[in-house]
Amino acid sequence: MEAIKPIKSEFDYDRALKRISDLMKSEDQESLDELDILTTLVEAYEQDHHPIPMPDPIEAILFRMEQQNLTPADLEAFIGSGEQVSDILSKKRPLTLEMIRALNAHLGIPAEVLIKEPEKPLSNHIENG
């Protein structure tokens, strides 16, 4: 096992990623233990230095629709009329608390994503389905 050092810089981070790549080819327990420790250190460094921003709520809905093969009509049960769905997906109308709860409960989209302020309006991204 190589000496494991804290990740304090991008150089340390890159070195740890290279070592993780090498360790993934190994199957002995000592290497797997080192891999476990290094991945924990890398995750902690990434949280502080390379955070992943929350997605736009409408983009998250569209992504989930694509994943589950849903059409805008399928969202009516959670959002309301077809017009309301269209307005939400085109960012002409904000999500209500009831809509957020329904989308969270039935589509599994995290509430913290859905309550985020949407980014600029989409340009004809929605098709009638």
N, C-alpha and C. Protein backbone atom coordinates (compact mmCIF):
# COMPACT_ATOMS: atom_id res chain seq x y z
N MET A 1 0.86 -1.19 0.00
CA MET A 1 0.00 0.00 0.00
C MET A 1 0.90 1.23 0.00
N GLU A 2 0.60 2.13 -0.93
CA GLU A 2 1.32 3.40 -0.96
C GLU A 2 0.91 4.24 0.24
N ALA A 3 1.78 5.15 0.62
CA ALA A 3 1.43 6.06 1.71
C ALA A 3 0.29 6.96 1.24
N ILE A 4 -0.79 6.96 1.99
CA ILE A 4 -1.95 7.78 1.62
C ILE A 4 -1.79 9.14 2.26
N LYS A 5 -1.92 10.16 1.42
CA LYS A 5 -1.74 11.54 1.89
C LYS A 5 -3.03 12.31 1.67
N PRO A 6 -3.26 13.35 2.47
CA PRO A 6 -4.44 14.19 2.27
C PRO A 6 -4.40 14.84 0.89
N ILE A 7 -5.58 15.14 0.36
CA ILE A 7 -5.67 15.84 -0.92
C ILE A 7 -5.86 17.32 -0.62
N LYS A 8 -4.82 18.10 -0.90
CA LYS A 8 -4.83 19.52 -0.57
C LYS A 8 -4.75 20.43 -1.80
N SER A 9 -4.52 19.84 -2.96
CA SER A 9 -4.36 20.65 -4.17
C SER A 9 -4.85 19.86 -5.37
N GLU A 10 -4.94 20.54 -6.50
CA GLU A 10 -5.32 19.87 -7.75
C GLU A 10 -4.29 18.82 -8.14
N PHE A 11 -3.02 19.10 -7.83
CA PHE A 11 -1.96 18.12 -8.11
C PHE A 11 -2.21 16.85 -7.31
N ASP A 12 -2.50 17.01 -6.01
CA ASP A 12 -2.81 15.85 -5.16
C ASP A 12 -4.05 15.11 -5.67
N TYR A 13 -5.03 15.88 -6.09
CA TYR A 13 -6.29 15.32 -6.60
C TYR A 13 -6.01 14.48 -7.85
N ASP A 14 -5.27 15.03 -8.79
CA ASP A 14 -4.94 14.31 -10.03
C ASP A 14 -4.15 13.04 -9.73
N ARG A 15 -3.22 13.14 -8.79
CA ARG A 15 -2.42 11.98 -8.41
C ARG A 15 -3.31 10.90 -7.79
N ALA A 16 -4.25 11.30 -6.95
CA ALA A 16 -5.16 10.34 -6.33
C ALA A 16 -6.05 9.66 -7.39
N LEU A 17 -6.53 10.44 -8.36
CA LEU A 17 -7.35 9.85 -9.43
C LEU A 17 -6.55 8.82 -10.24
N LYS A 18 -5.29 9.13 -10.51
CA LYS A 18 -4.43 8.19 -11.24
C LYS A 18 -4.24 6.92 -10.42
N ARG A 19 -4.01 7.09 -9.13
CA ARG A 19 -3.81 5.92 -8.27
C ARG A 19 -5.09 5.08 -8.19
N ILE A 20 -6.24 5.73 -8.11
CA ILE A 20 -7.52 5.02 -8.09
C ILE A 20 -7.67 4.20 -9.36
N SER A 21 -7.32 4.81 -10.49
CA SER A 21 -7.40 4.10 -11.77
C SER A 21 -6.53 2.85 -11.75
N ASP A 22 -5.33 2.97 -11.21
CA ASP A 22 -4.43 1.81 -11.12
C ASP A 22 -4.99 0.75 -10.17
N LEU A 23 -5.53 1.18 -9.04
CA LEU A 23 -6.05 0.25 -8.04
C LEU A 23 -7.28 -0.50 -8.52
N MET A 24 -8.03 0.08 -9.45
CA MET A 24 -9.25 -0.57 -9.92
C MET A 24 -8.94 -1.84 -10.70
N LYS A 25 -7.69 -2.01 -11.10
CA LYS A 25 -7.28 -3.21 -11.84
C LYS A 25 -6.86 -4.34 -10.90
N SER A 26 -6.74 -4.03 -9.63
CA SER A 26 -6.25 -4.98 -8.64
C SER A 26 -7.39 -5.65 -7.90
N GLU A 27 -7.11 -6.84 -7.36
CA GLU A 27 -8.15 -7.55 -6.62
C GLU A 27 -7.71 -7.94 -5.21
N ASP A 28 -6.47 -7.64 -4.82
CA ASP A 28 -6.04 -8.03 -3.48
C ASP A 28 -6.62 -7.07 -2.43
N GLN A 29 -6.82 -7.58 -1.24
CA GLN A 29 -7.52 -6.84 -0.19
C GLN A 29 -6.82 -5.54 0.19
N GLU A 30 -5.51 -5.56 0.23
CA GLU A 30 -4.77 -4.34 0.60
C GLU A 30 -5.03 -3.23 -0.42
N SER A 31 -5.04 -3.58 -1.69
CA SER A 31 -5.32 -2.59 -2.74
C SER A 31 -6.77 -2.10 -2.66
N LEU A 32 -7.68 -3.01 -2.38
CA LEU A 32 -9.09 -2.62 -2.26
C LEU A 32 -9.31 -1.69 -1.06
N ASP A 33 -8.58 -1.93 0.02
CA ASP A 33 -8.66 -1.04 1.18
C ASP A 33 -8.13 0.35 0.83
N GLU A 34 -7.00 0.38 0.12
CA GLU A 34 -6.43 1.66 -0.31
C GLU A 34 -7.40 2.38 -1.24
N LEU A 35 -8.02 1.63 -2.14
CA LEU A 35 -9.00 2.20 -3.06
C LEU A 35 -10.17 2.82 -2.30
N ASP A 36 -10.64 2.14 -1.28
CA ASP A 36 -11.74 2.64 -0.47
C ASP A 36 -11.37 3.96 0.21
N ILE A 37 -10.19 4.02 0.78
CA ILE A 37 -9.73 5.23 1.47
C ILE A 37 -9.55 6.38 0.48
N LEU A 38 -8.91 6.10 -0.65
CA LEU A 38 -8.67 7.15 -1.65
C LEU A 38 -9.97 7.69 -2.24
N THR A 39 -10.93 6.81 -2.50
CA THR A 39 -12.20 7.31 -3.06
C THR A 39 -12.92 8.20 -2.05
N THR A 40 -12.81 7.88 -0.78
CA THR A 40 -13.41 8.72 0.25
C THR A 40 -12.75 10.10 0.28
N LEU A 41 -11.42 10.12 0.19
CA LEU A 41 -10.69 11.39 0.17
C LEU A 41 -11.03 12.20 -1.08
N VAL A 42 -11.12 11.54 -2.22
CA VAL A 42 -11.45 12.22 -3.48
C VAL A 42 -12.86 12.80 -3.42
N GLU A 43 -13.82 12.03 -2.90
CA GLU A 43 -15.19 12.53 -2.78
C GLU A 43 -15.25 13.77 -1.90
N ALA A 44 -14.52 13.75 -0.80
CA ALA A 44 -14.51 14.91 0.10
C ALA A 44 -13.89 16.12 -0.59
N TYR A 45 -12.81 15.91 -1.32
CA TYR A 45 -12.18 17.01 -2.03
C TYR A 45 -13.11 17.57 -3.11
N GLU A 46 -13.77 16.68 -3.84
CA GLU A 46 -14.69 17.12 -4.90
C GLU A 46 -15.86 17.92 -4.34
N GLN A 47 -16.37 17.51 -3.20
CA GLN A 47 -17.48 18.26 -2.59
C GLN A 47 -17.09 19.70 -2.32
N ASP A 48 -15.86 19.90 -1.87
CA ASP A 48 -15.38 21.25 -1.53
C ASP A 48 -14.90 22.04 -2.74
N HIS A 49 -14.28 21.36 -3.70
CA HIS A 49 -13.62 22.07 -4.79
C HIS A 49 -14.25 21.91 -6.17
N HIS A 50 -15.11 20.93 -6.33
CA HIS A 50 -15.77 20.68 -7.61
C HIS A 50 -17.25 20.35 -7.39
N PRO A 51 -17.96 21.23 -6.69
CA PRO A 51 -19.36 20.90 -6.40
C PRO A 51 -20.19 20.84 -7.69
N ILE A 52 -21.16 19.96 -7.68
CA ILE A 52 -22.07 19.83 -8.82
C ILE A 52 -23.30 20.67 -8.50
N PRO A 53 -23.59 21.67 -9.33
CA PRO A 53 -24.75 22.52 -9.05
C PRO A 53 -26.06 21.76 -9.24
N MET A 54 -27.07 22.21 -8.53
CA MET A 54 -28.39 21.62 -8.67
C MET A 54 -28.90 21.89 -10.08
N PRO A 55 -29.55 20.92 -10.69
CA PRO A 55 -30.07 21.16 -12.03
C PRO A 55 -31.27 22.11 -12.01
N ASP A 56 -31.54 22.69 -13.15
CA ASP A 56 -32.74 23.50 -13.33
C ASP A 56 -33.95 22.58 -13.11
N PRO A 57 -34.97 23.03 -12.38
CA PRO A 57 -36.11 22.15 -12.09
C PRO A 57 -36.83 21.65 -13.33
N ILE A 58 -36.98 22.50 -14.33
CA ILE A 58 -37.68 22.08 -15.54
C ILE A 58 -36.82 21.08 -16.32
N GLU A 59 -35.53 21.33 -16.36
CA GLU A 59 -34.64 20.36 -17.01
C GLU A 59 -34.70 19.01 -16.29
N ALA A 60 -34.81 19.03 -14.96
CA ALA A 60 -34.93 17.79 -14.19
C ALA A 60 -36.22 17.06 -14.54
N ILE A 61 -37.31 17.80 -14.69
CA ILE A 61 -38.59 17.19 -15.07
C ILE A 61 -38.47 16.58 -16.47
N LEU A 62 -37.90 17.34 -17.40
CA LEU A 62 -37.74 16.84 -18.77
C LEU A 62 -36.85 15.60 -18.81
N PHE A 63 -35.80 15.60 -18.02
CA PHE A 63 -34.91 14.45 -17.95
C PHE A 63 -35.67 13.22 -17.43
N ARG A 64 -36.45 13.41 -16.37
CA ARG A 64 -37.21 12.30 -15.81
C ARG A 64 -38.26 11.80 -16.81
N MET A 65 -38.86 12.75 -17.54
CA MET A 65 -39.83 12.35 -18.57
C MET A 65 -39.15 11.46 -19.62
N GLU A 66 -37.96 11.86 -20.02
CA GLU A 66 -37.22 11.07 -21.01
C GLU A 66 -36.86 9.70 -20.44
N GLN A 67 -36.40 9.67 -19.19
CA GLN A 67 -36.04 8.40 -18.56
C GLN A 67 -37.21 7.43 -18.50
N GLN A 68 -38.39 7.97 -18.18
CA GLN A 68 -39.55 7.12 -17.97
C GLN A 68 -40.48 7.08 -19.17
N ASN A 69 -40.02 7.64 -20.29
CA ASN A 69 -40.83 7.63 -21.52
C ASN A 69 -42.19 8.28 -21.31
N LEU A 70 -42.21 9.42 -20.62
CA LEU A 70 -43.45 10.13 -20.34
C LEU A 70 -43.68 11.24 -21.35
N THR A 71 -44.94 11.54 -21.59
CA THR A 71 -45.31 12.67 -22.45
C THR A 71 -45.83 13.78 -21.55
N PRO A 72 -45.95 15.00 -22.07
CA PRO A 72 -46.55 16.07 -21.27
C PRO A 72 -47.93 15.68 -20.73
N ALA A 73 -48.69 14.93 -21.50
CA ALA A 73 -50.02 14.50 -21.04
C ALA A 73 -49.92 13.64 -19.78
N ASP A 74 -48.84 12.88 -19.64
CA ASP A 74 -48.65 12.05 -18.45
C ASP A 74 -48.46 12.89 -17.19
N LEU A 75 -48.01 14.14 -17.35
CA LEU A 75 -47.78 15.00 -16.19
C LEU A 75 -49.05 15.67 -15.67
N GLU A 76 -50.12 15.58 -16.42
CA GLU A 76 -51.36 16.24 -16.01
C GLU A 76 -51.83 15.75 -14.64
N ALA A 77 -51.58 14.52 -14.31
CA ALA A 77 -51.98 13.98 -13.00
C ALA A 77 -51.24 14.68 -11.86
N PHE A 78 -50.08 15.23 -12.14
CA PHE A 78 -49.25 15.86 -11.11
C PHE A 78 -49.31 17.38 -11.15
N ILE A 79 -49.53 17.93 -12.34
CA ILE A 79 -49.45 19.38 -12.53
C ILE A 79 -50.81 20.03 -12.76
N GLY A 80 -51.67 19.37 -13.49
CA GLY A 80 -52.97 19.95 -13.81
C GLY A 80 -53.28 19.80 -15.29
N SER A 81 -53.99 20.74 -15.84
CA SER A 81 -54.43 20.67 -17.23
C SER A 81 -53.24 20.66 -18.19
N GLY A 82 -53.53 20.29 -19.42
CA GLY A 82 -52.51 20.30 -20.46
C GLY A 82 -51.91 21.67 -20.64
N GLU A 83 -52.74 22.70 -20.49
CA GLU A 83 -52.25 24.07 -20.61
C GLU A 83 -51.27 24.39 -19.47
N GLN A 84 -51.61 23.95 -18.26
CA GLN A 84 -50.72 24.19 -17.12
C GLN A 84 -49.39 23.46 -17.33
N VAL A 85 -49.46 22.23 -17.79
CA VAL A 85 -48.24 21.46 -18.05
C VAL A 85 -47.38 22.20 -19.07
N SER A 86 -48.00 22.66 -20.15
CA SER A 86 -47.27 23.39 -21.19
C SER A 86 -46.63 24.65 -20.63
N ASP A 87 -47.39 25.39 -19.82
CA ASP A 87 -46.86 26.62 -19.22
C ASP A 87 -45.70 26.34 -18.28
N ILE A 88 -45.80 25.27 -17.51
CA ILE A 88 -44.71 24.90 -16.59
C ILE A 88 -43.47 24.51 -17.39
N LEU A 89 -43.65 23.63 -18.36
CA LEU A 89 -42.51 23.12 -19.11
C LEU A 89 -41.86 24.19 -19.98
N SER A 90 -42.61 25.23 -20.33
CA SER A 90 -42.03 26.33 -21.11
C SER A 90 -41.59 27.48 -20.20
N LYS A 91 -41.69 27.27 -18.90
CA LYS A 91 -41.26 28.23 -17.87
C LYS A 91 -42.05 29.53 -17.90
N LYS A 92 -43.30 29.43 -18.33
CA LYS A 92 -44.18 30.60 -18.30
C LYS A 92 -44.90 30.72 -16.98
N ARG A 93 -44.91 29.65 -16.21
CA ARG A 93 -45.61 29.60 -14.93
C ARG A 93 -44.73 28.84 -13.94
N PRO A 94 -44.64 29.29 -12.69
CA PRO A 94 -43.82 28.58 -11.70
C PRO A 94 -44.54 27.35 -11.16
N LEU A 95 -43.76 26.42 -10.66
CA LEU A 95 -44.32 25.26 -9.98
C LEU A 95 -44.94 25.71 -8.66
N THR A 96 -46.09 25.15 -8.31
CA THR A 96 -46.69 25.42 -7.01
C THR A 96 -46.19 24.39 -6.01
N LEU A 97 -46.43 24.63 -4.74
CA LEU A 97 -46.03 23.68 -3.71
C LEU A 97 -46.70 22.33 -3.92
N GLU A 98 -47.96 22.33 -4.30
CA GLU A 98 -48.69 21.07 -4.57
C GLU A 98 -48.03 20.31 -5.72
N MET A 99 -47.66 21.03 -6.78
CA MET A 99 -47.01 20.39 -7.93
C MET A 99 -45.67 19.79 -7.51
N ILE A 100 -44.91 20.55 -6.72
CA ILE A 100 -43.60 20.09 -6.26
C ILE A 100 -43.77 18.81 -5.44
N ARG A 101 -44.73 18.81 -4.55
CA ARG A 101 -44.98 17.61 -3.73
C ARG A 101 -45.35 16.42 -4.61
N ALA A 102 -46.22 16.64 -5.59
CA ALA A 102 -46.66 15.54 -6.45
C ALA A 102 -45.51 15.02 -7.31
N LEU A 103 -44.73 15.92 -7.90
CA LEU A 103 -43.61 15.49 -8.73
C LEU A 103 -42.56 14.76 -7.90
N ASN A 104 -42.34 15.22 -6.70
CA ASN A 104 -41.40 14.56 -5.80
C ASN A 104 -41.91 13.17 -5.44
N ALA A 105 -43.16 13.06 -5.06
CA ALA A 105 -43.72 11.78 -4.62
C ALA A 105 -43.85 10.76 -5.75
N HIS A 106 -44.28 11.21 -6.91
CA HIS A 106 -44.61 10.26 -7.98
C HIS A 106 -43.50 10.06 -9.01
N LEU A 107 -42.65 11.06 -9.18
CA LEU A 107 -41.56 10.92 -10.15
C LEU A 107 -40.20 10.82 -9.48
N GLY A 108 -40.16 11.04 -8.17
CA GLY A 108 -38.91 10.89 -7.43
C GLY A 108 -37.90 12.00 -7.68
N ILE A 109 -38.37 13.15 -8.15
CA ILE A 109 -37.46 14.29 -8.35
C ILE A 109 -37.28 14.96 -6.99
N PRO A 110 -36.06 15.15 -6.52
CA PRO A 110 -35.85 15.74 -5.20
C PRO A 110 -36.50 17.12 -5.08
N ALA A 111 -37.15 17.35 -3.96
CA ALA A 111 -37.83 18.63 -3.71
C ALA A 111 -36.86 19.79 -3.79
N GLU A 112 -35.62 19.60 -3.31
CA GLU A 112 -34.65 20.70 -3.34
C GLU A 112 -34.30 21.11 -4.77
N VAL A 113 -34.46 20.20 -5.73
CA VAL A 113 -34.27 20.54 -7.14
C VAL A 113 -35.48 21.32 -7.65
N LEU A 114 -36.67 20.84 -7.29
CA LEU A 114 -37.90 21.44 -7.80
C LEU A 114 -38.17 22.84 -7.26
N ILE A 115 -37.66 23.15 -6.06
CA ILE A 115 -37.92 24.48 -5.50
C ILE A 115 -36.94 25.53 -6.01
N LYS A 116 -35.89 25.08 -6.71
CA LYS A 116 -34.90 26.01 -7.26
C LYS A 116 -35.57 26.90 -8.31
N GLU A 117 -35.13 28.14 -8.36
CA GLU A 117 -35.62 29.08 -9.37
C GLU A 117 -35.18 28.60 -10.75
N PRO A 118 -36.12 28.45 -11.69
CA PRO A 118 -35.73 27.99 -13.03
C PRO A 118 -34.81 28.99 -13.72
N GLU A 119 -33.96 28.46 -14.59
CA GLU A 119 -33.09 29.31 -15.39
C GLU A 119 -33.93 29.93 -16.50
N LYS A 120 -33.30 30.66 -17.39
CA LYS A 120 -34.02 31.36 -18.46
C LYS A 120 -34.95 30.42 -19.21
N PRO A 121 -36.02 30.95 -19.80
CA PRO A 121 -36.99 30.11 -20.51
C PRO A 121 -36.34 29.29 -21.62
N LEU A 122 -36.92 28.12 -21.81
CA LEU A 122 -36.45 27.24 -22.88
C LEU A 122 -36.95 27.75 -24.22
N SER A 123 -36.28 27.38 -25.29
CA SER A 123 -36.73 27.81 -26.60
C SER A 123 -37.36 26.65 -27.35
N ASN A 124 -38.67 26.59 -27.34
CA ASN A 124 -39.44 25.57 -28.05
C ASN A 124 -38.90 24.16 -27.81
N HIS A 125 -38.58 23.85 -26.59
CA HIS A 125 -38.03 22.54 -26.23
C HIS A 125 -39.14 21.50 -26.08
N ILE A 126 -40.36 21.96 -25.84
CA ILE A 126 -41.46 21.05 -25.56
C ILE A 126 -42.26 20.79 -26.81
N GLU A 127 -42.56 19.52 -27.00
CA GLU A 127 -43.42 19.14 -28.11
C GLU A 127 -44.70 18.58 -27.53
N ASN A 128 -45.79 18.77 -28.21
CA ASN A 128 -47.05 18.19 -27.74
C ASN A 128 -46.98 16.70 -27.94
N GLY A 129 -47.43 15.98 -26.89
CA GLY A 129 -47.33 14.52 -27.01
C GLY A 129 -48.54 13.95 -26.51
